[in-house]
PDB file of N, CA and C in Angstrom:
ATOM      1  N   MET A   1      99.635  99.200  76.639  1.00  0.00           N
ATOM      2  CA  MET A   1      98.671  98.572  77.503  1.00  0.00           C
ATOM      3  C   MET A   1      99.073  97.105  77.648  1.00  0.00           C
ATOM      4  N   LYS A   2      98.987  96.612  78.855  1.00  0.00           N
ATOM      5  CA  LYS A   2      99.296  95.215  79.126  1.00  0.00           C
ATOM      6  C   LYS A   2      98.017  94.525  79.561  1.00  0.00           C
ATOM      7  N   ILE A   3      97.700  93.440  78.899  1.00  0.00           N
ATOM      8  CA  ILE A   3      96.522  92.658  79.231  1.00  0.00           C
ATOM      9  C   ILE A   3      97.007  91.355  79.854  1.00  0.00           C
ATOM     10  N   TYR A   4      96.585  91.094  81.078  1.00  0.00           N
ATOM     11  CA  TYR A   4      96.973  89.879  81.788  1.00  0.00           C
ATOM     12  C   TYR A   4      95.770  88.945  81.856  1.00  0.00           C
ATOM     13  N   PHE A   5      96.028  87.667  81.668  1.00  0.00           N
ATOM     14  CA  PHE A   5      94.964  86.692  81.817  1.00  0.00           C
ATOM     15  C   PHE A   5      95.548  85.345  82.220  1.00  0.00           C
ATOM     16  N   ASP A   6      94.720  84.550  82.863  1.00  0.00           N
ATOM     17  CA  ASP A   6      95.115  83.218  83.327  1.00  0.00           C
ATOM     18  C   ASP A   6      94.275  82.172  82.612  1.00  0.00           C
ATOM     19  N   ILE A   7      94.907  81.049  82.336  1.00  0.00           N
ATOM     20  CA  ILE A   7      94.193  79.914  81.774  1.00  0.00           C
ATOM     21  C   ILE A   7      94.299  78.792  82.791  1.00  0.00           C
ATOM     22  N   ASP A   8      93.133  78.344  83.256  1.00  0.00           N
ATOM     23  CA  ASP A   8      93.088  77.287  84.267  1.00  0.00           C
ATOM     24  C   ASP A   8      93.065  75.928  83.591  1.00  0.00           C
ATOM     25  N   ASP A   9      94.060  75.136  83.918  1.00  0.00           N
ATOM     26  CA  ASP A   9      94.089  73.743  83.507  1.00  0.00           C
ATOM     27  C   ASP A   9      93.599  72.934  84.698  1.00  0.00           C
ATOM     28  N   LYS A  10      93.394  71.656  84.533  1.00  0.00           N
ATOM     29  CA  LYS A  10      92.932  70.844  85.664  1.00  0.00           C
ATOM     30  C   LYS A  10      93.946  70.810  86.780  1.00  0.00           C
ATOM     31  N   LYS A  11      95.237  70.865  86.439  1.00  0.00           N
ATOM     32  CA  LYS A  11      96.290  70.732  87.440  1.00  0.00           C
ATOM     33  C   LYS A  11      96.861  72.066  87.907  1.00  0.00           C
ATOM     34  N   LYS A  12      96.923  73.066  87.020  1.00  0.00           N
ATOM     35  CA  LYS A  12      97.541  74.332  87.412  1.00  0.00           C
ATOM     36  C   LYS A  12      96.993  75.491  86.586  1.00  0.00           C
ATOM     37  N   THR A  13      97.318  76.695  87.021  1.00  0.00           N
ATOM     38  CA  THR A  13      96.935  77.903  86.318  1.00  0.00           C
ATOM     39  C   THR A  13      98.179  78.506  85.673  1.00  0.00           C
ATOM     40  N   THR A  14      98.057  78.847  84.398  1.00  0.00           N
ATOM     41  CA  THR A  14      99.168  79.462  83.678  1.00  0.00           C
ATOM     42  C   THR A  14      98.801  80.908  83.386  1.00  0.00           C
ATOM     43  N   SER A  15      99.739  81.823  83.631  1.00  0.00           N
ATOM     44  CA  SER A  15      99.493  83.251  83.429  1.00  0.00           C
ATOM     45  C   SER A  15     100.136  83.713  82.132  1.00  0.00           C
ATOM     46  N   TYR A  16      99.446  84.631  81.465  1.00  0.00           N
ATOM     47  CA  TYR A  16      99.927  85.172  80.198  1.00  0.00           C
ATOM     48  C   TYR A  16      99.787  86.684  80.193  1.00  0.00           C
ATOM     49  N   ARG A  17     100.542  87.324  79.281  1.00  0.00           N
ATOM     50  CA  ARG A  17     100.477  88.776  79.130  1.00  0.00           C
ATOM     51  C   ARG A  17     100.508  89.115  77.643  1.00  0.00           C
ATOM     52  N   LEU A  18      99.702  90.096  77.257  1.00  0.00           N
ATOM     53  CA  LEU A  18      99.696  90.604  75.886  1.00  0.00           C
ATOM     54  C   LEU A  18     100.001  92.089  75.940  1.00  0.00           C
ATOM     55  N   ASP A  19     101.091  92.501  75.279  1.00  0.00           N
ATOM     56  CA  ASP A  19     101.488  93.907  75.249  1.00  0.00           C
ATOM     57  C   ASP A  19     100.930  94.557  73.987  1.00  0.00           C
ATOM     58  N   LEU A  20     100.172  95.631  74.178  1.00  0.00           N
ATOM     59  CA  LEU A  20      99.597  96.365  73.051  1.00  0.00           C
ATOM     60  C   LEU A  20      99.876  97.854  73.212  1.00  0.00           C
ATOM     61  N   ASN A  21     100.104  98.522  72.071  1.00  0.00           N
ATOM     62  CA  ASN A  21     100.189  99.974  72.152  1.00  0.00           C
ATOM     63  C   ASN A  21      98.762 100.512  72.166  1.00  0.00           C
ATOM     64  N   PRO A  22      98.553 101.782  72.491  1.00  0.00           N
ATOM     65  CA  PRO A  22      97.188 102.311  72.616  1.00  0.00           C
ATOM     66  C   PRO A  22      96.345 102.137  71.348  1.00  0.00           C
ATOM     67  N   TYR A  23      96.974 102.299  70.184  1.00  0.00           N
ATOM     68  CA  TYR A  23      96.234 102.148  68.918  1.00  0.00           C
ATOM     69  C   TYR A  23      95.752 100.712  68.758  1.00  0.00           C
ATOM     70  N   GLU A  24      96.641  99.732  69.001  1.00  0.00           N
ATOM     71  CA  GLU A  24      96.271  98.322  68.867  1.00  0.00           C
ATOM     72  C   GLU A  24      95.162  97.955  69.846  1.00  0.00           C
ATOM     73  N   ALA A  25      95.257  98.479  71.050  1.00  0.00           N
ATOM     74  CA  ALA A  25      94.236  98.196  72.057  1.00  0.00           C
ATOM     75  C   ALA A  25      92.882  98.726  71.620  1.00  0.00           C
ATOM     76  N   GLN A  26      92.869  99.933  71.075  1.00  0.00           N
ATOM     77  CA  GLN A  26      91.601 100.525  70.636  1.00  0.00           C
ATOM     78  C   GLN A  26      91.016  99.760  69.453  1.00  0.00           C
ATOM     79  N   VAL A  27      91.866  99.354  68.506  1.00  0.00           N
ATOM     80  CA  VAL A  27      91.388  98.573  67.360  1.00  0.00           C
ATOM     81  C   VAL A  27      90.791  97.254  67.845  1.00  0.00           C
ATOM     82  N   LEU A  28      91.463  96.604  68.784  1.00  0.00           N
ATOM     83  CA  LEU A  28      90.962  95.330  69.318  1.00  0.00           C
ATOM     84  C   LEU A  28      89.614  95.530  70.005  1.00  0.00           C
ATOM     85  N   ILE A  29      89.492  96.579  70.795  1.00  0.00           N
ATOM     86  CA  ILE A  29      88.225  96.875  71.475  1.00  0.00           C
ATOM     87  C   ILE A  29      87.122  97.113  70.446  1.00  0.00           C
ATOM     88  N   ASP A  30      87.432  97.905  69.406  1.00  0.00           N
ATOM     89  CA  ASP A  30      86.445  98.194  68.362  1.00  0.00           C
ATOM     90  C   ASP A  30      85.988  96.916  67.656  1.00  0.00           C
ATOM     91  N   ILE A  31      86.945  96.034  67.373  1.00  0.00           N
ATOM     92  CA  ILE A  31      86.606  94.776  66.693  1.00  0.00           C
ATOM     93  C   ILE A  31      85.736  93.908  67.588  1.00  0.00           C
ATOM     94  N   LEU A  32      86.113  93.795  68.853  1.00  0.00           N
ATOM     95  CA  LEU A  32      85.392  92.904  69.757  1.00  0.00           C
ATOM     96  C   LEU A  32      84.006  93.422  70.112  1.00  0.00           C
ATOM     97  N   GLU A  33      83.795  94.722  69.958  1.00  0.00           N
ATOM     98  CA  GLU A  33      82.472  95.281  70.242  1.00  0.00           C
ATOM     99  C   GLU A  33      81.482  94.991  69.122  1.00  0.00           C
ATOM    100  N   ARG A  34      81.996  94.682  67.933  1.00  0.00           N
ATOM    101  CA  ARG A  34      81.128  94.377  66.794  1.00  0.00           C
ATOM    102  C   ARG A  34      81.080  92.871  66.561  1.00  0.00           C
ATOM    103  N   VAL A  35      79.921  92.403  66.264  1.00  0.00           N
ATOM    104  CA  VAL A  35      79.759  90.996  65.900  1.00  0.00           C
ATOM    105  C   VAL A  35      78.853  90.966  64.685  1.00  0.00           C
ATOM    106  N   PRO A  36      79.106  90.250  63.675  1.00  0.00           N
ATOM    107  CA  PRO A  36      80.222  89.344  63.431  1.00  0.00           C
ATOM    108  C   PRO A  36      81.459  90.114  62.955  1.00  0.00           C
ATOM    109  N   VAL A  37      82.597  89.461  63.004  1.00  0.00           N
ATOM    110  CA  VAL A  37      83.853  90.073  62.558  1.00  0.00           C
ATOM    111  C   VAL A  37      84.176  89.596  61.151  1.00  0.00           C
ATOM    112  N   THR A  38      84.888  90.445  60.442  1.00  0.00           N
ATOM    113  CA  THR A  38      85.276  90.090  59.074  1.00  0.00           C
ATOM    114  C   THR A  38      86.503  89.188  59.099  1.00  0.00           C
ATOM    115  N   ARG A  39      86.851  88.627  57.943  1.00  0.00           N
ATOM    116  CA  ARG A  39      88.033  87.772  57.843  1.00  0.00           C
ATOM    117  C   ARG A  39      89.295  88.569  58.162  1.00  0.00           C
ATOM    118  N   LEU A  40      89.346  89.819  57.716  1.00  0.00           N
ATOM    119  CA  LEU A  40      90.505  90.670  57.988  1.00  0.00           C
ATOM    120  C   LEU A  40      90.636  90.913  59.492  1.00  0.00           C
ATOM    121  N   GLU A  41      89.531  91.152  60.155  1.00  0.00           N
ATOM    122  CA  GLU A  41      89.550  91.357  61.602  1.00  0.00           C
ATOM    123  C   GLU A  41      89.946  90.080  62.335  1.00  0.00           C
ATOM    124  N   GLU A  42      89.479  88.930  61.843  1.00  0.00           N
ATOM    125  CA  GLU A  42      89.909  87.657  62.421  1.00  0.00           C
ATOM    126  C   GLU A  42      91.419  87.504  62.304  1.00  0.00           C
ATOM    127  N   TRP A  43      91.963  87.831  61.161  1.00  0.00           N
ATOM    128  CA  TRP A  43      93.410  87.744  60.936  1.00  0.00           C
ATOM    129  C   TRP A  43      94.142  88.697  61.888  1.00  0.00           C
ATOM    130  N   TYR A  44      93.613  89.901  62.059  1.00  0.00           N
ATOM    131  CA  TYR A  44      94.227  90.888  62.945  1.00  0.00           C
ATOM    132  C   TYR A  44      94.272  90.366  64.381  1.00  0.00           C
ATOM    133  N   ILE A  45      93.157  89.813  64.850  1.00  0.00           N
ATOM    134  CA  ILE A  45      93.108  89.262  66.210  1.00  0.00           C
ATOM    135  C   ILE A  45      94.091  88.103  66.340  1.00  0.00           C
ATOM    136  N   TYR A  46      94.113  87.238  65.328  1.00  0.00           N
ATOM    137  CA  TYR A  46      95.023  86.090  65.358  1.00  0.00           C
ATOM    138  C   TYR A  46      96.477  86.537  65.453  1.00  0.00           C
ATOM    139  N   THR A  47      96.880  87.505  64.624  1.00  0.00           N
ATOM    140  CA  THR A  47      98.277  87.968  64.655  1.00  0.00           C
ATOM    141  C   THR A  47      98.597  88.676  65.967  1.00  0.00           C
ATOM    142  N   MET A  48      97.622  89.361  66.503  1.00  0.00           N
ATOM    143  CA  MET A  48      97.842  90.057  67.769  1.00  0.00           C
ATOM    144  C   MET A  48      98.070  89.051  68.901  1.00  0.00           C
ATOM    145  N   PHE A  49      97.266  88.011  68.950  1.00  0.00           N
ATOM    146  CA  PHE A  49      97.375  87.038  70.035  1.00  0.00           C
ATOM    147  C   PHE A  49      98.538  86.072  69.861  1.00  0.00           C
ATOM    148  N   ARG A  50      99.184  86.101  68.714  1.00  0.00           N
ATOM    149  CA  ARG A  50     100.411  85.314  68.564  1.00  0.00           C
ATOM    150  C   ARG A  50     101.542  85.940  69.377  1.00  0.00           C
ATOM    151  N   ARG A  51     101.372  87.190  69.799  1.00  0.00           N
ATOM    152  CA  ARG A  51     102.385  87.892  70.592  1.00  0.00           C
ATOM    153  C   ARG A  51     102.217  87.667  72.087  1.00  0.00           C
ATOM    154  N   VAL A  52     101.293  86.830  72.485  1.00  0.00           N
ATOM    155  CA  VAL A  52     101.053  86.550  73.900  1.00  0.00           C
ATOM    156  C   VAL A  52     102.301  85.910  74.495  1.00  0.00           C
ATOM    157  N   LYS A  53     102.667  86.373  75.691  1.00  0.00           N
ATOM    158  CA  LYS A  53     103.861  85.868  76.378  1.00  0.00           C
ATOM    159  C   LYS A  53     103.438  85.131  77.646  1.00  0.00           C
ATOM    160  N   LYS A  54     104.048  83.980  77.839  1.00  0.00           N
ATOM    161  CA  LYS A  54     103.801  83.218  79.058  1.00  0.00           C
ATOM    162  C   LYS A  54     104.606  83.856  80.181  1.00  0.00           C
ATOM    163  N   ILE A  55     103.979  84.039  81.329  1.00  0.00           N
ATOM    164  CA  ILE A  55     104.639  84.658  82.473  1.00  0.00           C
ATOM    165  C   ILE A  55     105.078  83.566  83.434  1.00  0.00           C
ATOM    166  N   ASP A  56     106.354  83.573  83.752  1.00  0.00           N
ATOM    167  CA  ASP A  56     106.892  82.600  84.703  1.00  0.00           C
ATOM    168  C   ASP A  56     106.927  83.248  86.080  1.00  0.00           C
ATOM    169  N   LYS A  57     106.080  82.757  86.974  1.00  0.00           N
ATOM    170  CA  LYS A  57     105.978  83.337  88.313  1.00  0.00           C
ATOM    171  C   LYS A  57     106.836  82.610  89.339  1.00  0.00           C
ATOM    172  N   THR A  58     107.534  81.555  88.928  1.00  0.00           N
ATOM    173  CA  THR A  58     108.266  80.753  89.912  1.00  0.00           C
ATOM    174  C   THR A  58     109.347  81.560  90.611  1.00  0.00           C
ATOM    175  N   ASN A  59     110.070  82.414  89.869  1.00  0.00           N
ATOM    176  CA  ASN A  59     111.116  83.229  90.501  1.00  0.00           C
ATOM    177  C   ASN A  59     110.527  84.232  91.487  1.00  0.00           C
ATOM    178  N   LYS A  60     109.392  84.804  91.141  1.00  0.00           N
ATOM    179  CA  LYS A  60     108.744  85.757  92.042  1.00  0.00           C
ATOM    180  C   LYS A  60     108.281  85.069  93.320  1.00  0.00           C
ATOM    181  N   ILE A  61     107.751  83.871  93.169  1.00  0.00           N
ATOM    182  CA  ILE A  61     107.279  83.130  94.337  1.00  0.00           C
ATOM    183  C   ILE A  61     108.454  82.767  95.238  1.00  0.00           C
ATOM    184  N   LYS A  62     109.549  82.300  94.635  1.00  0.00           N
ATOM    185  CA  LYS A  62     110.735  81.944  95.419  1.00  0.00           C
ATOM    186  C   LYS A  62     111.292  83.169  96.137  1.00  0.00           C
ATOM    187  N   ALA A  63     111.368  84.298  95.444  1.00  0.00           N
ATOM    188  CA  ALA A  63     111.904  85.524  96.048  1.00  0.00           C
ATOM    189  C   ALA A  63     111.026  85.995  97.201  1.00  0.00           C
ATOM    190  N   THR A  64     109.721  85.896  97.035  1.00  0.00           N
ATOM    191  CA  THR A  64     108.799  86.304  98.093  1.00  0.00           C
ATOM    192  C   THR A  64     108.950  85.412  99.315  1.00  0.00           C
ATOM    193  N   LYS A  65     109.042  84.104  99.094  1.00  0.00           N
ATOM    194  CA  LYS A  65     109.213  83.178 100.215  1.00  0.00           C
ATOM    195  C   LYS A  65     110.523  83.445 100.942  1.00  0.00           C
ATOM    196  N   LYS A  66     111.593  83.716 100.193  1.00  0.00           N
ATOM    197  CA  LYS A  66     112.890  83.993 100.808  1.00  0.00           C
ATOM    198  C   LYS A  66     112.834  85.280 101.630  1.00  0.00           C
ATOM    199  N   ALA A  67     112.231  86.327 101.063  1.00  0.00           N
ATOM    200  CA  ALA A  67     112.122  87.604 101.781  1.00  0.00           C
ATOM    201  C   ALA A  67     111.292  87.447 103.045  1.00  0.00           C
ATOM    202  N   ASN A  68     110.205  86.687 102.960  1.00  0.00           N
ATOM    203  CA  ASN A  68     109.354  86.473 104.140  1.00  0.00           C
ATOM    204  C   ASN A  68     110.090  85.700 105.225  1.00  0.00           C
ATOM    205  N   SER A  69     110.860  84.684 104.832  1.00  0.00           N
ATOM    206  CA  SER A  69     111.573  83.910 105.858  1.00  0.00           C
ATOM    207  C   SER A  69     112.638  84.759 106.540  1.00  0.00           C
ATOM    208  N   ILE A  70     113.304  85.638 105.786  1.00  0.00           N
ATOM    209  CA  ILE A  70     114.293  86.541 106.376  1.00  0.00           C
ATOM    210  C   ILE A  70     113.608  87.505 107.342  1.00  0.00           C
ATOM    211  N   LYS A  71     112.453  88.016 106.933  1.00  0.00           N
ATOM    212  CA  LYS A  71     111.702  88.952 107.778  1.00  0.00           C
ATOM    213  C   LYS A  71     111.253  88.274 109.079  1.00  0.00           C
ATOM    214  N   ILE A  72     110.807  87.028 108.971  1.00  0.00           N
ATOM    215  CA  ILE A  72     110.365  86.284 110.152  1.00  0.00           C
ATOM    216  C   ILE A  72     111.538  86.061 111.105  1.00  0.00           C
ATOM    217  N   LYS A  73     112.687  85.625 110.557  1.00  0.00           N
ATOM    218  CA  LYS A  73     113.865  85.382 111.396  1.00  0.00           C
ATOM    219  C   LYS A  73     114.311  86.656 112.101  1.00  0.00           C
ATOM    220  N   THR A  74     114.291  87.777 111.374  1.00  0.00           N
ATOM    221  CA  THR A  74     114.678  89.065 111.957  1.00  0.00           C
ATOM    222  C   THR A  74     113.725  89.451 113.088  1.00  0.00           C
ATOM    223  N   SER A  75     112.432  89.284 112.856  1.00  0.00           N
ATOM    224  CA  SER A  75     111.444  89.637 113.881  1.00  0.00           C
ATOM    225  C   SER A  75     111.599  88.767 115.119  1.00  0.00           C
ATOM    226  N   ILE A  76     111.804  87.480 114.918  1.00  0.00           N
ATOM    227  CA  ILE A  76     111.967  86.574 116.066  1.00  0.00           C
ATOM    228  C   ILE A  76     113.206  86.945 116.865  1.00  0.00           C
ATOM    229  N   SER A  77     114.313  87.232 116.182  1.00  0.00           N
ATOM    230  CA  SER A  77     115.530  87.603 116.923  1.00  0.00           C
ATOM    231  C   SER A  77     115.330  88.918 117.671  1.00  0.00           C
ATOM    232  N   ARG A  78     114.589  89.866 117.092  1.00  0.00           N
ATOM    233  CA  ARG A  78     114.301  91.122 117.801  1.00  0.00           C
ATOM    234  C   ARG A  78     113.441  90.875 119.035  1.00  0.00           C
ATOM    235  N   VAL A  79     112.472  89.968 118.907  1.00  0.00           N
ATOM    236  CA  VAL A  79     111.606  89.646 120.048  1.00  0.00           C
ATOM    237  C   VAL A  79     112.428  89.002 121.163  1.00  0.00           C
ATOM    238  N   ILE A  80     113.306  88.076 120.805  1.00  0.00           N
ATOM    239  CA  ILE A  80     114.146  87.408 121.810  1.00  0.00           C
ATOM    240  C   ILE A  80     115.046  88.416 122.519  1.00  0.00           C
ATOM    241  N   GLU A  81     115.655  89.326 121.745  1.00  0.00           N
ATOM    242  CA  GLU A  81     116.504  90.358 122.354  1.00  0.00           C
ATOM    243  C   GLU A  81     115.694  91.267 123.273  1.00  0.00           C
ATOM    244  N   ALA A  82     114.473  91.603 122.859  1.00  0.00           N
ATOM    245  CA  ALA A  82     113.619  92.457 123.688  1.00  0.00           C
ATOM    246  C   ALA A  82     113.232  91.744 124.985  1.00  0.00           C
ATOM    247  N   ILE A  83     112.944  90.459 124.892  1.00  0.00           N
ATOM    248  CA  ILE A  83     112.608  89.680 126.090  1.00  0.00           C
ATOM    249  C   ILE A  83     113.788  89.670 127.061  1.00  0.00           C
ATOM    250  N   GLU A  84     114.976  89.434 126.521  1.00  0.00           N
ATOM    251  CA  GLU A  84     116.174  89.418 127.367  1.00  0.00           C
ATOM    252  C   GLU A  84     116.392  90.767 128.040  1.00  0.00           C
ATOM    253  N   GLU A  85     116.184  91.843 127.287  1.00  0.00           N
ATOM    254  CA  GLU A  85     116.353  93.191 127.855  1.00  0.00           C
ATOM    255  C   GLU A  85     115.333  93.443 128.964  1.00  0.00           C
ATOM    256  N   LEU A  86     114.093  93.036 128.723  1.00  0.00           N
ATOM    257  CA  LEU A  86     113.055  93.216 129.749  1.00  0.00           C
ATOM    258  C   LEU A  86     113.359  92.381 130.996  1.00  0.00           C
ATOM    259  N   GLN A  87     113.869  91.169 130.811  1.00  0.00           N
ATOM    260  CA  GLN A  87     114.219  90.328 131.955  1.00  0.00           C
ATOM    261  C   GLN A  87     115.350  90.950 132.768  1.00  0.00           C
ATOM    262  N   VAL A  88     116.353  91.525 132.085  1.00  0.00           N
ATOM    263  CA  VAL A  88     117.468  92.173 132.788  1.00  0.00           C
ATOM    264  C   VAL A  88     116.958  93.360 133.605  1.00  0.00           C
ATOM    265  N   LYS A  89     116.023  94.105 133.030  1.00  0.00           N
ATOM    266  CA  LYS A  89     115.473  95.274 133.723  1.00  0.00           C
ATOM    267  C   LYS A  89     114.428  94.893 134.765  1.00  0.00           C
ATOM    268  N   GLY A  90     114.010  93.634 134.775  1.00  0.00           N
ATOM    269  CA  GLY A  90     113.017  93.178 135.752  1.00  0.00           C
ATOM    270  C   GLY A  90     111.613  93.648 135.442  1.00  0.00           C
ATOM    271  N   LYS A  91     111.323  93.918 134.188  1.00  0.00           N
ATOM    272  CA  LYS A  91     109.989  94.401 133.803  1.00  0.00           C
ATOM    273  C   LYS A  91     109.150  93.251 133.267  1.00  0.00           C
ATOM    274  N   ASP A  92     107.832  93.480 133.254  1.00  0.00           N
ATOM    275  CA  ASP A  92     106.904  92.488 132.727  1.00  0.00           C
ATOM    276  C   ASP A  92     107.106  92.337 131.217  1.00  0.00           C
ATOM    277  N   ILE A  93     106.990  91.096 130.769  1.00  0.00           N
ATOM    278  CA  ILE A  93     107.130  90.823 129.338  1.00  0.00           C
ATOM    279  C   ILE A  93     105.730  90.796 128.732  1.00  0.00           C
ATOM    280  N   THR A  94     105.377  91.904 128.101  1.00  0.00           N
ATOM    281  CA  THR A  94     104.074  92.038 127.449  1.00  0.00           C
ATOM    282  C   THR A  94     104.297  92.318 125.969  1.00  0.00           C
ATOM    283  N   PRO A  95     103.309  92.017 125.151  1.00  0.00           N
ATOM    284  CA  PRO A  95     103.455  92.322 123.720  1.00  0.00           C
ATOM    285  C   PRO A  95     103.752  93.797 123.467  1.00  0.00           C
ATOM    286  N   TYR A  96     103.120  94.671 124.265  1.00  0.00           N
ATOM    287  CA  TYR A  96     103.341  96.102 124.084  1.00  0.00           C
ATOM    288  C   TYR A  96     104.790  96.469 124.381  1.00  0.00           C
ATOM    289  N   ALA A  97     105.319  95.981 125.503  1.00  0.00           N
ATOM    290  CA  ALA A  97     106.702  96.300 125.883  1.00  0.00           C
ATOM    291  C   ALA A  97     107.688  95.739 124.855  1.00  0.00           C
ATOM    292  N   VAL A  98     107.429  94.512 124.405  1.00  0.00           N
ATOM    293  CA  VAL A  98     108.307  93.887 123.405  1.00  0.00           C
ATOM    294  C   VAL A  98     108.254  94.669 122.090  1.00  0.00           C
ATOM    295  N   SER A  99     107.071  95.077 121.684  1.00  0.00           N
ATOM    296  CA  SER A  99     106.937  95.804 120.416  1.00  0.00           C
ATOM    297  C   SER A  99     107.671  97.144 120.452  1.00  0.00           C
ATOM    298  N   LYS A 100     107.655  97.814 121.585  1.00  0.00           N
ATOM    299  CA  LYS A 100     108.351  99.103 121.706  1.00  0.00           C
ATOM    300  C   LYS A 100     109.867  98.918 121.662  1.00  0.00           C
ATOM    301  N   ILE A 101     110.379  97.931 122.374  1.00  0.00           N
ATOM    302  CA  ILE A 101     111.834  97.710 122.410  1.00  0.00           C
ATOM    303  C   ILE A 101     112.334  97.151 121.081  1.00  0.00           C
ATOM    304  N   ALA A 102     111.591  96.183 120.513  1.00  0.00           N
ATOM    305  CA  ALA A 102     112.021  95.534 119.272  1.00  0.00           C
ATOM    306  C   ALA A 102     111.731  96.377 118.033  1.00  0.00           C
ATOM    307  N   LYS A 103     110.929  97.429 118.211  1.00  0.00           N
ATOM    308  CA  LYS A 103     110.525  98.300 117.108  1.00  0.00           C
ATOM    309  C   LYS A 103     109.818  97.513 116.003  1.00  0.00           C
ATOM    310  N   ILE A 104     108.845  96.713 116.448  1.00  0.00           N
ATOM    311  CA  ILE A 104     107.981  95.974 115.538  1.00  0.00           C
ATOM    312  C   ILE A 104     106.536  96.243 115.945  1.00  0.00           C
ATOM    313  N   SER A 105     105.612  95.803 115.133  1.00  0.00           N
ATOM    314  CA  SER A 105     104.213  96.076 115.449  1.00  0.00           C
ATOM    315  C   SER A 105     103.762  95.244 116.649  1.00  0.00           C
ATOM    316  N   TYR A 106     102.716  95.719 117.296  1.00  0.00           N
ATOM    317  CA  TYR A 106     102.151  95.030 118.454  1.00  0.00           C
ATOM    318  C   TYR A 106     101.725  93.608 118.068  1.00  0.00           C
ATOM    319  N   ASN A 107     101.036  93.487 116.921  1.00  0.00           N
ATOM    320  CA  ASN A 107     100.538  92.176 116.492  1.00  0.00           C
ATOM    321  C   ASN A 107     101.679  91.200 116.208  1.00  0.00           C
ATOM    322  N   THR A 108     102.770  91.694 115.619  1.00  0.00           N
ATOM    323  CA  THR A 108     103.929  90.832 115.359  1.00  0.00           C
ATOM    324  C   THR A 108     104.543  90.380 116.674  1.00  0.00           C
ATOM    325  N   ALA A 109     104.690  91.298 117.620  1.00  0.00           N
ATOM    326  CA  ALA A 109     105.249  90.952 118.930  1.00  0.00           C
ATOM    327  C   ALA A 109     104.369  89.914 119.625  1.00  0.00           C
ATOM    328  N   LYS A 110     103.073  90.113 119.581  1.00  0.00           N
ATOM    329  CA  LYS A 110     102.133  89.185 120.218  1.00  0.00           C
ATOM    330  C   LYS A 110     102.231  87.802 119.571  1.00  0.00           C
ATOM    331  N   LYS A 111     102.300  87.770 118.253  1.00  0.00           N
ATOM    332  CA  LYS A 111     102.384  86.500 117.523  1.00  0.00           C
ATOM    333  C   LYS A 111     103.626  85.708 117.921  1.00  0.00           C
ATOM    334  N   TYR A 112     104.776  86.358 117.901  1.00  0.00           N
ATOM    335  CA  TYR A 112     106.014  85.640 118.189  1.00  0.00           C
ATOM    336  C   TYR A 112     106.206  85.370 119.673  1.00  0.00           C
ATOM    337  N   LEU A 113     105.661  86.208 120.518  1.00  0.00           N
ATOM    338  CA  LEU A 113     105.679  85.913 121.954  1.00  0.00           C
ATOM    339  C   LEU A 113     104.907  84.633 122.238  1.00  0.00           C
ATOM    340  N   ASN A 114     103.749  84.491 121.617  1.00  0.00           N
ATOM    341  CA  ASN A 114     102.953  83.277 121.799  1.00  0.00           C
ATOM    342  C   ASN A 114     103.714  82.050 121.302  1.00  0.00           C
ATOM    343  N   GLU A 115     104.380  82.173 120.165  1.00  0.00           N
ATOM    344  CA  GLU A 115     105.153  81.052 119.615  1.00  0.00           C
ATOM    345  C   GLU A 115     106.322  80.695 120.528  1.00  0.00           C
ATOM    346  N   ILE A 116     107.015  81.696 121.028  1.00  0.00           N
ATOM    347  CA  ILE A 116     108.158  81.457 121.911  1.00  0.00           C
ATOM    348  C   ILE A 116     107.689  80.820 123.219  1.00  0.00           C
ATOM    349  N   ASN A 117     106.557  81.302 123.755  1.00  0.00           N
ATOM    350  CA  ASN A 117     106.029  80.728 124.994  1.00  0.00           C
ATOM    351  C   ASN A 117     105.622  79.269 124.793  1.00  0.00           C
ATOM    352  N   LYS A 118     105.057  78.935 123.633  1.00  0.00           N
ATOM    353  CA  LYS A 118     104.660  77.549 123.349  1.00  0.00           C
ATOM    354  C   LYS A 118     105.902  76.650 123.270  1.00  0.00           C
ATOM    355  N   ASP A 119     106.979  77.168 122.669  1.00  0.00           N
ATOM    356  CA  ASP A 119     108.203  76.386 122.527  1.00  0.00           C
ATOM    357  C   ASP A 119     108.883  76.158 123.873  1.00  0.00           C
ATOM    358  N   ASN A 120     108.739  77.117 124.795  1.00  0.00           N
ATOM    359  CA  ASN A 120     109.409  77.013 126.097  1.00  0.00           C
ATOM    360  C   ASN A 120     108.654  76.126 127.079  1.00  0.00           C
ATOM    361  N   LYS A 121     107.406  75.798 126.778  1.00  0.00           N
ATOM    362  CA  LYS A 121     106.606  74.986 127.707  1.00  0.00           C
ATOM    363  C   LYS A 121     106.816  73.524 127.476  1.00  0.00           C
TER     364      LYS A 121
END
């Protein structure tokens, strides 16, 4: 069992994870359900929480931002190619037509069409 929790500081939030096997998790639940706890139970909780691991999310955030920027660039280039194809064929440039040719969603086509039109004005 993995227990995730965040600790909020004034400046940032730090994420942590505690890995427990099913037996340890059940013992912890049993201890926490009873109040007051004995000295032995306090020691058990203390030793268990010494195994808490800090989670570094910076790499995940960087990877997500990189993947999103690649996806955006790909979508924009598909929209531009679809616009060019529609212009060659002499057809109206609509979000629906662009989405079908570019093989992207209607909402994505509409979003980038609006951005491209703003840039061209």
